[in-house]
């Protein structure tokens, strides 16, 4: 494996970040050693994905980022292609009814994302002449665009220098720079600082690092079975240098779906998506057996703006 030098000194039996080891105007030295091997690995191993194609454009990147939140790539790809065929520009989506966005979202899950993307498209048309803005603050001001999504669009679509911190990036940096098996369950301000400090100083290189470190976490430095043998930074990884100690934090419970309100909401929405006219309450009732849970799910869909109640106990997607 060669020389194994952890990025931080060991504390209390575990690696923990000390004060950032920085150089003037540049990133911490521990992270600097990671840049070149990760970028080389990415150039040789990156997946071919449509939103990474040179001509994809900022709207294509934005659509992918909304869809990829909590949804794996293989499920996103068909919906992504259909979406951009139907709405190739923000103005196309903005002109459609919000219910059509919900219908096209199909089974991607968390359908409020469809309404937020529709609202963002309308804001892009109203505020930015139909073009996705390249300014981070302007992106952050769009409906449904949070810290991560604004940074991702600015970096991936426009090559800007921003820390793009998703679960994969958090895991790579936690292992490589702080020596722990898993990051905290929820993102923290410390995660954001660590990622910002790890950015290359050069803007173009920082944008490539953002996507490369994310890809490394998705393909190699995975949560359950990391492929350390093929990792380009195994010799510099603090976790590997420590002997790959097991995770010793609170239990990490996987999300359940069967029998949940989420599943009930999905069944109700599936009935509405399949209908070209308003749906009667009786037909919705037939889609889920638990009456109490069904009513709760329906009330939630109405409150979230995903379903519109009409007279005579009929319902439809929003128009």
Protein backbone atom coordinates (compact mmCIF):
# COMPACT_ATOMS: atom_id res chain seq x y z
CA UNK A 1 0.00 0.00 0.00
CA UNK A 2 2.98 2.32 0.40
CA UNK A 3 3.46 5.13 2.88
CA UNK A 4 0.34 5.63 4.94
CA UNK A 5 0.06 9.12 6.38
CA UNK A 6 -3.20 10.12 8.09
CA UNK A 7 -4.43 13.61 7.40
CA UNK A 8 -4.85 14.49 11.09
CA UNK A 9 -3.19 13.48 14.36
CA UNK A 10 -4.85 10.76 16.34
CA UNK A 11 -6.95 11.69 19.38
CA UNK A 12 -8.53 9.49 22.02
CA UNK A 13 -8.22 6.32 19.97
CA UNK A 14 -9.81 7.85 16.87
CA UNK A 15 -8.87 10.30 14.15
CA UNK A 16 -10.45 13.67 14.62
CA UNK A 17 -9.90 16.92 12.76
CA UNK A 18 -7.54 19.39 14.36
CA UNK A 19 -7.15 22.93 13.14
CA UNK A 20 -7.11 22.91 9.33
CA UNK A 21 -3.63 22.44 7.92
CA UNK A 22 -3.78 25.28 5.42
CA UNK A 23 -1.50 27.16 3.13
CA UNK A 24 -2.20 30.81 2.26
CA UNK A 25 -4.91 30.97 -0.38
CA UNK A 26 -5.21 27.19 -0.69
CA UNK A 27 -6.78 24.11 0.88
CA UNK A 28 -5.50 22.08 3.80
CA UNK A 29 -2.43 20.01 3.01
CA UNK A 30 -4.14 16.74 3.97
CA UNK A 31 -6.77 17.28 1.29
CA UNK A 32 -4.27 18.56 -1.26
CA UNK A 33 -2.71 15.10 -1.47
CA UNK A 34 -6.11 13.69 -2.45
CA UNK A 35 -6.85 15.96 -5.39
CA UNK A 36 -4.65 14.56 -8.13
CA UNK A 37 -5.33 10.83 -7.57
CA UNK A 38 -9.08 11.38 -7.25
CA UNK A 39 -9.21 13.51 -10.39
CA UNK A 40 -7.16 10.96 -12.34
CA UNK A 41 -9.44 8.16 -11.13
CA UNK A 42 -12.53 10.14 -12.15
CA UNK A 43 -11.20 10.80 -15.63
CA UNK A 44 -10.74 7.04 -16.11
CA UNK A 45 -13.81 5.71 -14.30
CA UNK A 46 -16.64 8.26 -14.31
CA UNK A 47 -20.04 6.96 -15.34
CA UNK A 48 -21.45 8.26 -18.60
CA UNK A 49 -24.57 10.15 -17.50
CA UNK A 50 -26.68 12.45 -19.68
CA UNK A 51 -26.48 15.44 -17.36
CA UNK A 52 -22.67 15.26 -17.55
CA UNK A 53 -22.56 15.47 -21.33
CA UNK A 54 -20.84 18.65 -22.62
CA UNK A 55 -24.00 19.96 -24.24
CA UNK A 56 -26.37 19.10 -21.40
CA UNK A 57 -26.82 22.68 -20.22
CA UNK A 58 -27.73 24.17 -16.86
CA UNK A 59 -31.43 23.21 -17.00
CA UNK A 60 -30.52 19.56 -17.57
CA UNK A 61 -28.19 19.70 -14.57
CA UNK A 62 -30.87 21.35 -12.46
CA UNK A 63 -33.49 18.74 -13.36
CA UNK A 64 -31.05 15.95 -12.52
CA UNK A 65 -30.24 17.47 -9.14
CA UNK A 66 -33.91 17.70 -8.18
CA UNK A 67 -34.54 14.13 -9.29
CA UNK A 68 -31.43 12.64 -7.68
CA UNK A 69 -32.36 13.82 -4.19
CA UNK A 70 -33.00 10.58 -2.27
CA UNK A 71 -33.46 8.62 -5.52
CA UNK A 72 -30.82 6.35 -7.16
CA UNK A 73 -29.47 7.01 -10.64
CA UNK A 74 -31.01 3.92 -12.25
CA UNK A 75 -34.52 5.04 -11.25
CA UNK A 76 -33.90 8.62 -12.29
CA UNK A 77 -32.61 7.99 -15.83
CA UNK A 78 -35.92 7.06 -17.56
CA UNK A 79 -37.89 9.85 -15.87
CA UNK A 80 -35.09 12.34 -16.56
CA UNK A 81 -35.04 11.58 -20.29
CA UNK A 82 -38.84 11.76 -20.57
CA UNK A 83 -38.93 15.01 -18.61
CA UNK A 84 -36.40 16.79 -20.83
CA UNK A 85 -38.05 15.51 -23.99
CA UNK A 86 -41.29 17.07 -22.81
CA UNK A 87 -39.87 20.19 -21.13
CA UNK A 88 -36.43 20.90 -22.64
CA UNK A 89 -36.33 24.43 -21.19
CA UNK A 90 -37.62 26.10 -18.02
CA UNK A 91 -40.18 28.05 -20.05
CA UNK A 92 -41.73 24.79 -21.28
CA UNK A 93 -42.28 23.48 -17.77
CA UNK A 94 -43.42 26.86 -16.48
CA UNK A 95 -46.20 26.91 -19.06
CA UNK A 96 -47.54 23.51 -17.96
CA UNK A 97 -49.97 22.92 -15.11
CA UNK A 98 -48.22 21.94 -11.86
CA UNK A 99 -50.30 18.76 -11.84
CA UNK A 100 -48.62 17.70 -15.08
CA UNK A 101 -45.26 17.93 -13.33
CA UNK A 102 -46.60 15.72 -10.55
CA UNK A 103 -47.95 13.28 -13.13
CA UNK A 104 -44.63 13.11 -14.99
CA UNK A 105 -42.75 12.59 -11.72
CA UNK A 106 -44.38 9.17 -11.69
CA UNK A 107 -42.74 6.83 -9.13
CA UNK A 108 -39.58 8.79 -8.30
CA UNK A 109 -40.86 9.40 -4.78
CA UNK A 110 -41.08 12.58 -2.70
CA UNK A 111 -43.35 14.23 -5.33
CA UNK A 112 -43.20 17.64 -3.72
CA UNK A 113 -39.92 17.91 -5.61
CA UNK A 114 -41.96 18.07 -8.82
CA UNK A 115 -43.96 21.05 -7.54
CA UNK A 116 -40.78 22.76 -6.38
CA UNK A 117 -39.09 22.23 -9.73
CA UNK A 118 -42.18 23.63 -11.46
CA UNK A 119 -42.14 26.68 -9.18
CA UNK A 120 -38.41 27.13 -9.81
CA UNK A 121 -39.02 27.03 -13.57
CA UNK A 122 -41.65 29.75 -13.23
CA UNK A 123 -39.26 31.87 -11.17
CA UNK A 124 -36.50 31.40 -13.76
CA UNK A 125 -38.85 32.65 -16.47
CA UNK A 126 -40.07 35.59 -14.39
CA UNK A 127 -36.74 36.69 -12.90
CA UNK A 128 -34.05 35.48 -15.29
CA UNK A 129 -35.49 35.56 -18.77
CA UNK A 130 -35.92 31.80 -18.91
CA UNK A 131 -32.23 30.99 -18.31
CA UNK A 132 -30.96 29.20 -15.22
CA UNK A 133 -28.87 31.83 -13.38
CA UNK A 134 -25.16 31.20 -12.93
CA UNK A 135 -24.97 33.19 -9.70
CA UNK A 136 -25.02 31.14 -6.49
CA UNK A 137 -27.14 33.65 -4.57
CA UNK A 138 -29.68 33.82 -7.41
CA UNK A 139 -29.86 30.03 -7.51
CA UNK A 140 -30.35 29.88 -3.76
CA UNK A 141 -33.27 32.30 -4.06
CA UNK A 142 -35.19 29.97 -6.39
CA UNK A 143 -38.07 27.92 -4.91
CA UNK A 144 -36.97 24.49 -3.79
CA UNK A 145 -33.25 25.23 -4.15
CA UNK A 146 -31.30 24.77 -0.93
CA UNK A 147 -27.62 25.03 -0.05
CA UNK A 148 -26.63 21.74 -1.64
CA UNK A 149 -28.62 22.17 -4.87
CA UNK A 150 -27.42 25.75 -5.44
CA UNK A 151 -23.80 24.69 -5.01
CA UNK A 152 -24.28 21.64 -7.25
CA UNK A 153 -25.81 23.63 -10.11
CA UNK A 154 -23.21 26.40 -9.84
CA UNK A 155 -20.40 23.86 -9.81
CA UNK A 156 -21.61 21.21 -12.27
CA UNK A 157 -23.31 23.52 -14.77
CA UNK A 158 -21.09 26.61 -14.59
CA UNK A 159 -17.75 25.35 -13.26
CA UNK A 160 -17.83 27.53 -10.15
CA UNK A 161 -15.86 26.87 -6.96
CA UNK A 162 -18.33 25.67 -4.32
CA UNK A 163 -18.37 22.88 -1.75
CA UNK A 164 -20.96 20.39 -3.00
CA UNK A 165 -21.70 18.30 0.07
CA UNK A 166 -23.92 15.27 -0.34
CA UNK A 167 -23.83 12.00 1.61
CA UNK A 168 -21.17 10.52 -0.67
CA UNK A 169 -18.85 13.49 -0.27
CA UNK A 170 -19.38 13.56 3.49
CA UNK A 171 -18.43 9.89 3.70
CA UNK A 172 -15.29 10.26 1.56
CA UNK A 173 -14.03 13.21 3.57
CA UNK A 174 -14.95 11.66 6.92
CA UNK A 175 -12.89 8.58 6.12
CA UNK A 176 -10.03 10.16 4.23
CA UNK A 177 -9.46 13.22 6.42
CA UNK A 178 -10.85 12.41 9.88
CA UNK A 179 -10.48 8.63 10.02
CA UNK A 180 -14.04 7.69 10.98
CA UNK A 181 -16.03 4.94 9.28
CA UNK A 182 -19.17 7.02 8.72
CA UNK A 183 -20.08 10.70 8.91
CA UNK A 184 -22.76 11.89 11.28
CA UNK A 185 -26.28 10.80 10.38
CA UNK A 186 -27.36 14.35 9.56
CA UNK A 187 -25.20 16.98 7.80
CA UNK A 188 -23.50 19.46 10.09
CA UNK A 189 -21.78 22.82 9.77
CA UNK A 190 -18.51 21.00 10.42
CA UNK A 191 -19.13 18.86 7.30
CA UNK A 192 -19.59 22.00 5.24
CA UNK A 193 -16.43 23.58 6.61
CA UNK A 194 -14.39 20.43 5.99
CA UNK A 195 -15.60 20.24 2.39
CA UNK A 196 -14.92 23.95 1.82
CA UNK A 197 -11.41 23.61 3.23
CA UNK A 198 -10.79 20.57 1.02
CA UNK A 199 -11.60 22.45 -2.22
CA UNK A 200 -8.73 23.05 -4.65
CA UNK A 201 -7.90 26.74 -4.95
CA UNK A 202 -8.33 26.83 -8.73
CA UNK A 203 -11.97 27.26 -9.75
CA UNK A 204 -12.00 24.82 -12.67
CA UNK A 205 -10.15 22.19 -10.65
CA UNK A 206 -12.52 22.71 -7.72
CA UNK A 207 -15.53 22.06 -9.97
CA UNK A 208 -13.96 18.82 -11.22
CA UNK A 209 -13.06 17.81 -7.65
CA UNK A 210 -16.68 18.34 -6.57
CA UNK A 211 -18.04 15.81 -9.03
CA UNK A 212 -15.04 13.47 -8.75
CA UNK A 213 -15.19 13.15 -4.96
CA UNK A 214 -18.94 12.55 -5.21
CA UNK A 215 -18.41 9.81 -7.78
CA UNK A 216 -15.74 8.19 -5.63
CA UNK A 217 -18.22 7.95 -2.78
CA UNK A 218 -20.91 6.54 -5.05
CA UNK A 219 -18.76 3.85 -6.70
CA UNK A 220 -15.81 3.03 -4.41
CA UNK A 221 -16.11 4.56 -0.94
CA UNK A 222 -19.60 3.17 -0.39
CA UNK A 223 -21.36 3.05 2.95
CA UNK A 224 -21.52 -0.69 3.58
CA UNK A 225 -18.84 -2.37 1.47
CA UNK A 226 -16.16 0.14 0.43
CA UNK A 227 -13.81 -1.18 -2.24
CA UNK A 228 -10.63 0.07 -0.62
CA UNK A 229 -8.43 -2.16 -2.81
CA UNK A 230 -9.38 -0.07 -5.87
CA UNK A 231 -9.47 3.28 -4.12
CA UNK A 232 -7.02 5.84 -5.57
CA UNK A 233 -6.43 7.46 -2.15
CA UNK A 234 -6.14 4.37 0.08
CA UNK A 235 -2.52 5.25 0.96
CA UNK A 236 -3.60 8.71 2.16
CA UNK A 237 -6.87 7.66 3.81
CA UNK A 238 -6.87 8.26 7.56
CA UNK A 239 -9.49 5.55 8.09
CA UNK A 240 -7.46 2.92 6.22
CA UNK A 241 -4.30 4.03 8.00
CA UNK A 242 -6.10 3.47 11.31
CA UNK A 243 -6.93 -0.11 10.32
CA UNK A 244 -10.47 0.67 9.08
CA UNK A 245 -12.07 0.79 12.54
CA UNK A 246 -15.79 -0.05 12.58
CA UNK A 247 -18.49 2.54 12.98
CA UNK A 248 -19.12 3.21 16.66
CA UNK A 249 -21.87 5.84 16.55
CA UNK A 250 -25.63 5.58 17.11
CA UNK A 251 -27.49 2.91 15.10
CA UNK A 252 -28.13 3.84 11.47
CA UNK A 253 -31.61 2.60 10.67
CA UNK A 254 -32.65 2.10 7.09
CA UNK A 255 -35.85 3.74 5.89
CA UNK A 256 -38.90 1.50 5.73
CA UNK A 257 -41.60 1.94 3.10
CA UNK A 258 -44.09 -0.90 3.32
CA UNK A 259 -47.20 0.13 5.23
CA UNK A 260 -46.08 3.71 5.79
CA UNK A 261 -47.92 6.95 5.13
CA UNK A 262 -45.47 7.46 2.26
CA UNK A 263 -46.70 4.29 0.61
CA UNK A 264 -50.33 5.29 1.19
CA UNK A 265 -49.68 8.70 -0.38
CA UNK A 266 -48.02 6.99 -3.33
CA UNK A 267 -51.01 4.74 -3.91
CA UNK A 268 -53.42 7.68 -3.85
CA UNK A 269 -51.25 9.70 -6.22
CA UNK A 270 -50.94 6.74 -8.59
CA UNK A 271 -54.73 6.67 -8.98
CA UNK A 272 -54.81 10.40 -9.70
CA UNK A 273 -51.89 10.24 -12.13
CA UNK A 274 -53.61 7.52 -14.12
CA UNK A 275 -56.83 9.51 -14.45
CA UNK A 276 -57.50 12.14 -17.09
CA UNK A 277 -60.54 13.49 -15.19
CA UNK A 278 -61.25 14.13 -11.50
CA UNK A 279 -61.38 11.01 -9.35
CA UNK A 280 -64.16 10.16 -6.92
CA UNK A 281 -63.46 9.61 -3.25
CA UNK A 282 -64.74 6.04 -3.54
CA UNK A 283 -62.07 5.21 -6.09
CA UNK A 284 -59.36 6.68 -3.88
CA UNK A 285 -60.71 4.73 -0.90
CA UNK A 286 -60.31 1.49 -2.83
CA UNK A 287 -56.57 2.10 -3.26
CA UNK A 288 -55.63 1.76 0.45
CA UNK A 289 -57.30 -0.44 3.09
CA UNK A 290 -56.56 1.46 6.31
CA UNK A 291 -59.19 4.22 6.48
CA UNK A 292 -57.46 6.28 9.18
CA UNK A 293 -54.10 6.17 7.44
CA UNK A 294 -55.71 6.82 4.07
CA UNK A 295 -57.47 9.95 5.30
CA UNK A 296 -54.28 11.18 6.92
CA UNK A 297 -52.36 10.59 3.69
CA UNK A 298 -55.01 12.34 1.60
CA UNK A 299 -55.13 15.31 3.96
CA UNK A 300 -51.35 15.55 3.72
CA UNK A 301 -51.40 15.50 -0.07
CA UNK A 302 -53.97 18.30 -0.10
CA UNK A 303 -51.97 20.33 2.42
CA UNK A 304 -48.81 19.89 0.33
CA UNK A 305 -50.56 21.17 -2.79
CA UNK A 306 -50.20 17.85 -4.59
CA UNK A 307 -53.94 17.19 -4.75
CA UNK A 308 -56.89 19.55 -5.23
CA UNK A 309 -60.25 18.73 -3.61
CA UNK A 310 -63.33 19.49 -5.71
CA UNK A 311 -67.07 19.48 -5.15
CA UNK A 312 -68.97 16.21 -4.70
CA UNK A 313 -65.99 14.46 -3.11
CA UNK A 314 -63.81 14.47 -6.18
CA UNK A 315 -60.08 15.07 -6.41
CA UNK A 316 -57.50 15.91 -9.10
CA UNK A 317 -53.88 16.88 -9.53
CA UNK A 318 -53.30 20.66 -9.25
CA UNK A 319 -54.04 22.86 -12.25
